[in-house]
Amino acid sequence: ALAAGAVLFENARAQAPCTFPSTNSAL
């Protein structure tokens, strides 16, 4: 429901498949 009223990115990818260092990268 939130996405229906927002912008949804259909092809978003993380820069690593692991919390470290993926979260570091995002922040």
PDB file of all heavy atoms in Angstrom:
ATOM      1  N   ALA A   1       0.836  -1.205   0.000  1.00  0.00           N
ATOM      2  CA  ALA A   1       0.000   0.000   0.000  1.00  0.00           C
ATOM      3  C   ALA A   1       0.869   1.252   0.000  1.00  0.00           C
ATOM      4  O   ALA A   1       0.568   2.235  -0.686  1.00  0.00           O
ATOM      5  CB  ALA A   1      -0.934  -0.013   1.208  1.00  0.00           C
ATOM      6  N   LEU A   2       1.952   1.227   0.773  1.00  0.00           N
ATOM      7  CA  LEU A   2       2.882   2.358   0.768  1.00  0.00           C
ATOM      8  C   LEU A   2       3.473   2.553  -0.616  1.00  0.00           C
ATOM      9  O   LEU A   2       3.517   3.676  -1.141  1.00  0.00           O
ATOM     10  CB  LEU A   2       3.994   2.113   1.790  1.00  0.00           C
ATOM     11  CG  LEU A   2       5.141   3.127   1.793  1.00  0.00           C
ATOM     12  CD1 LEU A   2       4.656   4.473   2.311  1.00  0.00           C
ATOM     13  CD2 LEU A   2       6.308   2.614   2.624  1.00  0.00           C
ATOM     14  N   ALA A   3       3.929   1.456  -1.236  1.00  0.00           N
ATOM     15  CA  ALA A   3       4.560   1.543  -2.547  1.00  0.00           C
ATOM     16  C   ALA A   3       3.596   2.051  -3.606  1.00  0.00           C
ATOM     17  O   ALA A   3       4.002   2.744  -4.546  1.00  0.00           O
ATOM     18  CB  ALA A   3       5.112   0.175  -2.949  1.00  0.00           C
ATOM     19  N   ALA A   4       2.301   1.730  -3.467  1.00  0.00           N
ATOM     20  CA  ALA A   4       1.311   2.178  -4.449  1.00  0.00           C
ATOM     21  C   ALA A   4       1.171   3.692  -4.465  1.00  0.00           C
ATOM     22  O   ALA A   4       0.741   4.268  -5.467  1.00  0.00           O
ATOM     23  CB  ALA A   4      -0.041   1.530  -4.163  1.00  0.00           C
ATOM     24  N   GLY A   5       1.547   4.347  -3.380  1.00  0.00           N
ATOM     25  CA  GLY A   5       1.486   5.798  -3.318  1.00  0.00           C
ATOM     26  C   GLY A   5       2.844   6.455  -3.280  1.00  0.00           C
ATOM     27  O   GLY A   5       2.964   7.621  -2.877  1.00  0.00           O
ATOM     28  N   ALA A   6       3.872   5.725  -3.692  1.00  0.00           N
ATOM     29  CA  ALA A   6       5.243   6.229  -3.608  1.00  0.00           C
ATOM     30  C   ALA A   6       5.981   5.903  -4.895  1.00  0.00           C
ATOM     31  O   ALA A   6       5.381   5.508  -5.895  1.00  0.00           O
ATOM     32  CB  ALA A   6       5.941   5.604  -2.395  1.00  0.00           C
ATOM     33  N   VAL A   7       7.287   6.076  -4.880  1.00  0.00           N
ATOM     34  CA  VAL A   7       8.134   5.718  -6.015  1.00  0.00           C
ATOM     35  C   VAL A   7       8.779   4.380  -5.710  1.00  0.00           C
ATOM     36  O   VAL A   7       9.475   4.230  -4.702  1.00  0.00           O
ATOM     37  CB  VAL A   7       9.210   6.790  -6.276  1.00  0.00           C
ATOM     38  CG1 VAL A   7      10.059   6.402  -7.484  1.00  0.00           C
ATOM     39  CG2 VAL A   7       8.565   8.150  -6.492  1.00  0.00           C
ATOM     40  N   LEU A   8       8.524   3.404  -6.567  1.00  0.00           N
ATOM     41  CA  LEU A   8       9.099   2.071  -6.406  1.00  0.00           C
ATOM     42  C   LEU A   8      10.137   1.854  -7.497  1.00  0.00           C
ATOM     43  O   LEU A   8       9.841   2.004  -8.684  1.00  0.00           O
ATOM     44  CB  LEU A   8       8.006   1.007  -6.480  1.00  0.00           C
ATOM     45  CG  LEU A   8       8.468  -0.448  -6.310  1.00  0.00           C
ATOM     46  CD1 LEU A   8       7.407  -1.263  -5.586  1.00  0.00           C
ATOM     47  CD2 LEU A   8       8.772  -1.105  -7.660  1.00  0.00           C
ATOM     48  N   PHE A   9      11.348   1.510  -7.071  1.00  0.00           N
ATOM     49  CA  PHE A   9      12.434   1.230  -8.013  1.00  0.00           C
ATOM     50  C   PHE A   9      12.468  -0.280  -8.249  1.00  0.00           C
ATOM     51  O   PHE A   9      12.765  -1.055  -7.338  1.00  0.00           O
ATOM     52  CB  PHE A   9      13.758   1.757  -7.466  1.00  0.00           C
ATOM     53  CG  PHE A   9      13.776   3.260  -7.360  1.00  0.00           C
ATOM     54  CD1 PHE A   9      13.382   3.883  -6.182  1.00  0.00           C
ATOM     55  CD2 PHE A   9      14.130   4.040  -8.445  1.00  0.00           C
ATOM     56  CE1 PHE A   9      13.370   5.272  -6.084  1.00  0.00           C
ATOM     57  CE2 PHE A   9      14.120   5.427  -8.356  1.00  0.00           C
ATOM     58  CZ  PHE A   9      13.737   6.043  -7.177  1.00  0.00           C
ATOM     59  N   GLU A  10      12.123  -0.673  -9.474  1.00  0.00           N
ATOM     60  CA  GLU A  10      11.948  -2.087  -9.791  1.00  0.00           C
ATOM     61  C   GLU A  10      13.255  -2.847  -9.886  1.00  0.00           C
ATOM     62  O   GLU A  10      13.271  -4.071  -9.716  1.00  0.00           O
ATOM     63  CB  GLU A  10      11.198  -2.226 -11.122  1.00  0.00           C
ATOM     64  CG  GLU A  10       9.787  -1.658 -11.086  1.00  0.00           C
ATOM     65  CD  GLU A  10       9.118  -1.699 -12.442  1.00  0.00           C
ATOM     66  OE1 GLU A  10       9.841  -1.859 -13.461  1.00  0.00           O
ATOM     67  OE2 GLU A  10       7.879  -1.591 -12.493  1.00  0.00           O
ATOM     68  N   ASN A  11      14.353  -2.149 -10.145  1.00  0.00           N
ATOM     69  CA  ASN A  11      15.650  -2.811 -10.355  1.00  0.00           C
ATOM     70  C   ASN A  11      16.722  -2.172  -9.481  1.00  0.00           C
ATOM     71  O   ASN A  11      17.713  -1.634  -9.974  1.00  0.00           O
ATOM     72  CB  ASN A  11      16.046  -2.757 -11.825  1.00  0.00           C
ATOM     73  CG  ASN A  11      15.215  -3.680 -12.686  1.00  0.00           C
ATOM     74  OD1 ASN A  11      15.253  -4.900 -12.530  1.00  0.00           O
ATOM     75  ND2 ASN A  11      14.420  -3.107 -13.576  1.00  0.00           N
ATOM     76  N   ALA A  12      16.498  -2.239  -8.164  1.00  0.00           N
ATOM     77  CA  ALA A  12      17.487  -1.756  -7.206  1.00  0.00           C
ATOM     78  C   ALA A  12      18.335  -2.931  -6.741  1.00  0.00           C
ATOM     79  O   ALA A  12      17.818  -4.030  -6.509  1.00  0.00           O
ATOM     80  CB  ALA A  12      16.806  -1.105  -6.013  1.00  0.00           C
ATOM     81  N   ARG A  13      19.638  -2.700  -6.605  1.00  0.00           N
ATOM     82  CA  ARG A  13      20.528  -3.762  -6.147  1.00  0.00           C
ATOM     83  C   ARG A  13      21.451  -3.258  -5.047  1.00  0.00           C
ATOM     84  O   ARG A  13      21.915  -2.116  -5.073  1.00  0.00           O
ATOM     85  CB  ARG A  13      21.353  -4.314  -7.315  1.00  0.00           C
ATOM     86  CG  ARG A  13      20.522  -5.145  -8.283  1.00  0.00           C
ATOM     87  CD  ARG A  13      21.353  -5.759  -9.406  1.00  0.00           C
ATOM     88  NE  ARG A  13      20.534  -6.644 -10.229  1.00  0.00           N
ATOM     89  CZ  ARG A  13      19.782  -6.229 -11.262  1.00  0.00           C
ATOM     90  NH1 ARG A  13      19.759  -4.941 -11.597  1.00  0.00           N
ATOM     91  NH2 ARG A  13      19.057  -7.095 -11.948  1.00  0.00           N
ATOM     92  N   ALA A  14      21.702  -4.158  -4.095  1.00  0.00           N
ATOM     93  CA  ALA A  14      22.686  -3.897  -3.054  1.00  0.00           C
ATOM     94  C   ALA A  14      24.080  -4.077  -3.631  1.00  0.00           C
ATOM     95  O   ALA A  14      24.283  -4.805  -4.609  1.00  0.00           O
ATOM     96  CB  ALA A  14      22.472  -4.852  -1.884  1.00  0.00           C
ATOM     97  N   GLN A  15      25.056  -3.447  -2.993  1.00  0.00           N
ATOM     98  CA  GLN A  15      26.425  -3.532  -3.496  1.00  0.00           C
ATOM     99  C   GLN A  15      27.198  -4.715  -2.921  1.00  0.00           C
ATOM    100  O   GLN A  15      28.319  -4.996  -3.329  1.00  0.00           O
ATOM    101  CB  GLN A  15      27.151  -2.211  -3.213  1.00  0.00           C
ATOM    102  CG  GLN A  15      26.852  -1.130  -4.235  1.00  0.00           C
ATOM    103  CD  GLN A  15      25.367  -0.950  -4.525  1.00  0.00           C
ATOM    104  OE1 GLN A  15      24.660  -0.329  -3.744  1.00  0.00           O
ATOM    105  NE2 GLN A  15      24.884  -1.508  -5.633  1.00  0.00           N
ATOM    106  N   ALA A  16      26.574  -5.413  -1.977  1.00  0.00           N
ATOM    107  CA  ALA A  16      27.133  -6.661  -1.453  1.00  0.00           C
ATOM    108  C   ALA A  16      25.972  -7.464  -0.868  1.00  0.00           C
ATOM    109  O   ALA A  16      25.008  -6.876  -0.369  1.00  0.00           O
ATOM    110  CB  ALA A  16      28.185  -6.388  -0.381  1.00  0.00           C
ATOM    111  N   PRO A  17      26.042  -8.795  -0.890  1.00  0.00           N
ATOM    112  CA  PRO A  17      24.957  -9.618  -0.360  1.00  0.00           C
ATOM    113  C   PRO A  17      25.121  -9.939   1.116  1.00  0.00           C
ATOM    114  O   PRO A  17      24.713 -11.005   1.586  1.00  0.00           O
ATOM    115  CB  PRO A  17      25.058 -10.884  -1.217  1.00  0.00           C
ATOM    116  CG  PRO A  17      26.524 -11.026  -1.469  1.00  0.00           C
ATOM    117  CD  PRO A  17      27.054  -9.625  -1.586  1.00  0.00           C
ATOM    118  N   CYS A  18      25.723  -9.030   1.863  1.00  0.00           N
ATOM    119  CA  CYS A  18      26.037  -9.250   3.263  1.00  0.00           C
ATOM    120  C   CYS A  18      25.850  -7.923   3.998  1.00  0.00           C
ATOM    121  O   CYS A  18      26.198  -6.861   3.461  1.00  0.00           O
ATOM    122  CB  CYS A  18      27.491  -9.715   3.375  1.00  0.00           C
ATOM    123  SG  CYS A  18      27.799 -10.956   4.631  1.00  0.00           S
ATOM    124  N   THR A  19      25.325  -7.966   5.225  1.00  0.00           N
ATOM    125  CA  THR A  19      25.084  -6.724   5.962  1.00  0.00           C
ATOM    126  C   THR A  19      26.333  -5.865   6.029  1.00  0.00           C
ATOM    127  O   THR A  19      26.284  -4.653   5.799  1.00  0.00           O
ATOM    128  CB  THR A  19      24.575  -7.052   7.376  1.00  0.00           C
ATOM    129  OG1 THR A  19      23.349  -7.780   7.266  1.00  0.00           O
ATOM    130  CG2 THR A  19      24.343  -5.785   8.180  1.00  0.00           C
ATOM    131  N   PHE A  20      27.451  -6.473   6.393  1.00  0.00           N
ATOM    132  CA  PHE A  20      28.738  -5.810   6.231  1.00  0.00           C
ATOM    133  C   PHE A  20      29.372  -6.371   4.966  1.00  0.00           C
ATOM    134  O   PHE A  20      29.557  -7.590   4.849  1.00  0.00           O
ATOM    135  CB  PHE A  20      29.672  -6.086   7.425  1.00  0.00           C
ATOM    136  CG  PHE A  20      31.089  -5.655   7.167  1.00  0.00           C
ATOM    137  CD1 PHE A  20      31.420  -4.315   7.234  1.00  0.00           C
ATOM    138  CD2 PHE A  20      32.060  -6.572   6.814  1.00  0.00           C
ATOM    139  CE1 PHE A  20      32.727  -3.915   6.962  1.00  0.00           C
ATOM    140  CE2 PHE A  20      33.359  -6.177   6.541  1.00  0.00           C
ATOM    141  CZ  PHE A  20      33.693  -4.846   6.622  1.00  0.00           C
ATOM    142  N   PRO A  21      29.651  -5.502   3.978  1.00  0.00           N
ATOM    143  CA  PRO A  21      29.666  -4.042   4.013  1.00  0.00           C
ATOM    144  C   PRO A  21      28.504  -3.375   3.275  1.00  0.00           C
ATOM    145  O   PRO A  21      28.585  -2.185   2.969  1.00  0.00           O
ATOM    146  CB  PRO A  21      30.968  -3.725   3.299  1.00  0.00           C
ATOM    147  CG  PRO A  21      31.015  -4.785   2.225  1.00  0.00           C
ATOM    148  CD  PRO A  21      30.392  -6.034   2.809  1.00  0.00           C
ATOM    149  N   SER A  22      27.420  -4.106   2.999  1.00  0.00           N
ATOM    150  CA  SER A  22      26.333  -3.514   2.228  1.00  0.00           C
ATOM    151  C   SER A  22      25.745  -2.280   2.911  1.00  0.00           C
ATOM    152  O   SER A  22      25.511  -1.251   2.269  1.00  0.00           O
ATOM    153  CB  SER A  22      25.231  -4.548   2.001  1.00  0.00           C
ATOM    154  OG  SER A  22      24.126  -3.980   1.337  1.00  0.00           O
ATOM    155  N   THR A  23      25.505  -2.390   4.224  1.00  0.00           N
ATOM    156  CA  THR A  23      24.909  -1.260   4.935  1.00  0.00           C
ATOM    157  C   THR A  23      25.867  -0.080   4.987  1.00  0.00           C
ATOM    158  O   THR A  23      25.450   1.083   4.852  1.00  0.00           O
ATOM    159  CB  THR A  23      24.492  -1.680   6.351  1.00  0.00           C
ATOM    160  OG1 THR A  23      23.602  -2.805   6.260  1.00  0.00           O
ATOM    161  CG2 THR A  23      23.781  -0.550   7.064  1.00  0.00           C
ATOM    162  N   ASN A  24      27.151  -0.351   5.182  1.00  0.00           N
ATOM    163  CA  ASN A  24      28.148   0.726   5.145  1.00  0.00           C
ATOM    164  C   ASN A  24      28.040   1.499   3.839  1.00  0.00           C
ATOM    165  O   ASN A  24      28.073   2.738   3.820  1.00  0.00           O
ATOM    166  CB  ASN A  24      29.559   0.164   5.250  1.00  0.00           C
ATOM    167  CG  ASN A  24      29.768  -0.773   6.406  1.00  0.00           C
ATOM    168  OD1 ASN A  24      29.054  -1.751   6.549  1.00  0.00           O
ATOM    169  ND2 ASN A  24      30.761  -0.507   7.234  1.00  0.00           N
ATOM    170  N   SER A  25      27.934   0.756   2.747  1.00  0.00           N
ATOM    171  CA  SER A  25      27.856   1.371   1.427  1.00  0.00           C
ATOM    172  C   SER A  25      26.611   2.231   1.291  1.00  0.00           C
ATOM    173  O   SER A  25      26.660   3.361   0.797  1.00  0.00           O
ATOM    174  CB  SER A  25      27.879   0.274   0.358  1.00  0.00           C
ATOM    175  OG  SER A  25      27.806   0.812  -0.932  1.00  0.00           O
ATOM    176  N   ALA A  26      25.466   1.705   1.737  1.00  0.00           N
ATOM    177  CA  ALA A  26      24.209   2.447   1.612  1.00  0.00           C
ATOM    178  C   ALA A  26      24.217   3.730   2.434  1.00  0.00           C
ATOM    179  O   ALA A  26      23.664   4.751   2.020  1.00  0.00           O
ATOM    180  CB  ALA A  26      23.036   1.559   2.038  1.00  0.00           C
ATOM    181  N   LEU A  27      24.846   3.712   3.611  1.00  0.00           N
ATOM    182  CA  LEU A  27      24.826   4.866   4.505  1.00  0.00           C
ATOM    183  C   LEU A  27      25.922   5.881   4.224  1.00  0.00           C
ATOM    184  O   LEU A  27      25.994   6.920   4.879  1.00  0.00           O
ATOM    185  CB  LEU A  27      24.929   4.395   5.962  1.00  0.00           C
ATOM    186  CG  LEU A  27      23.744   3.567   6.479  1.00  0.00           C
ATOM    187  CD1 LEU A  27      23.989   3.142   7.921  1.00  0.00           C
ATOM    188  CD2 LEU A  27      22.434   4.347   6.369  1.00  0.00           C
TER     189      LEU A  27
END
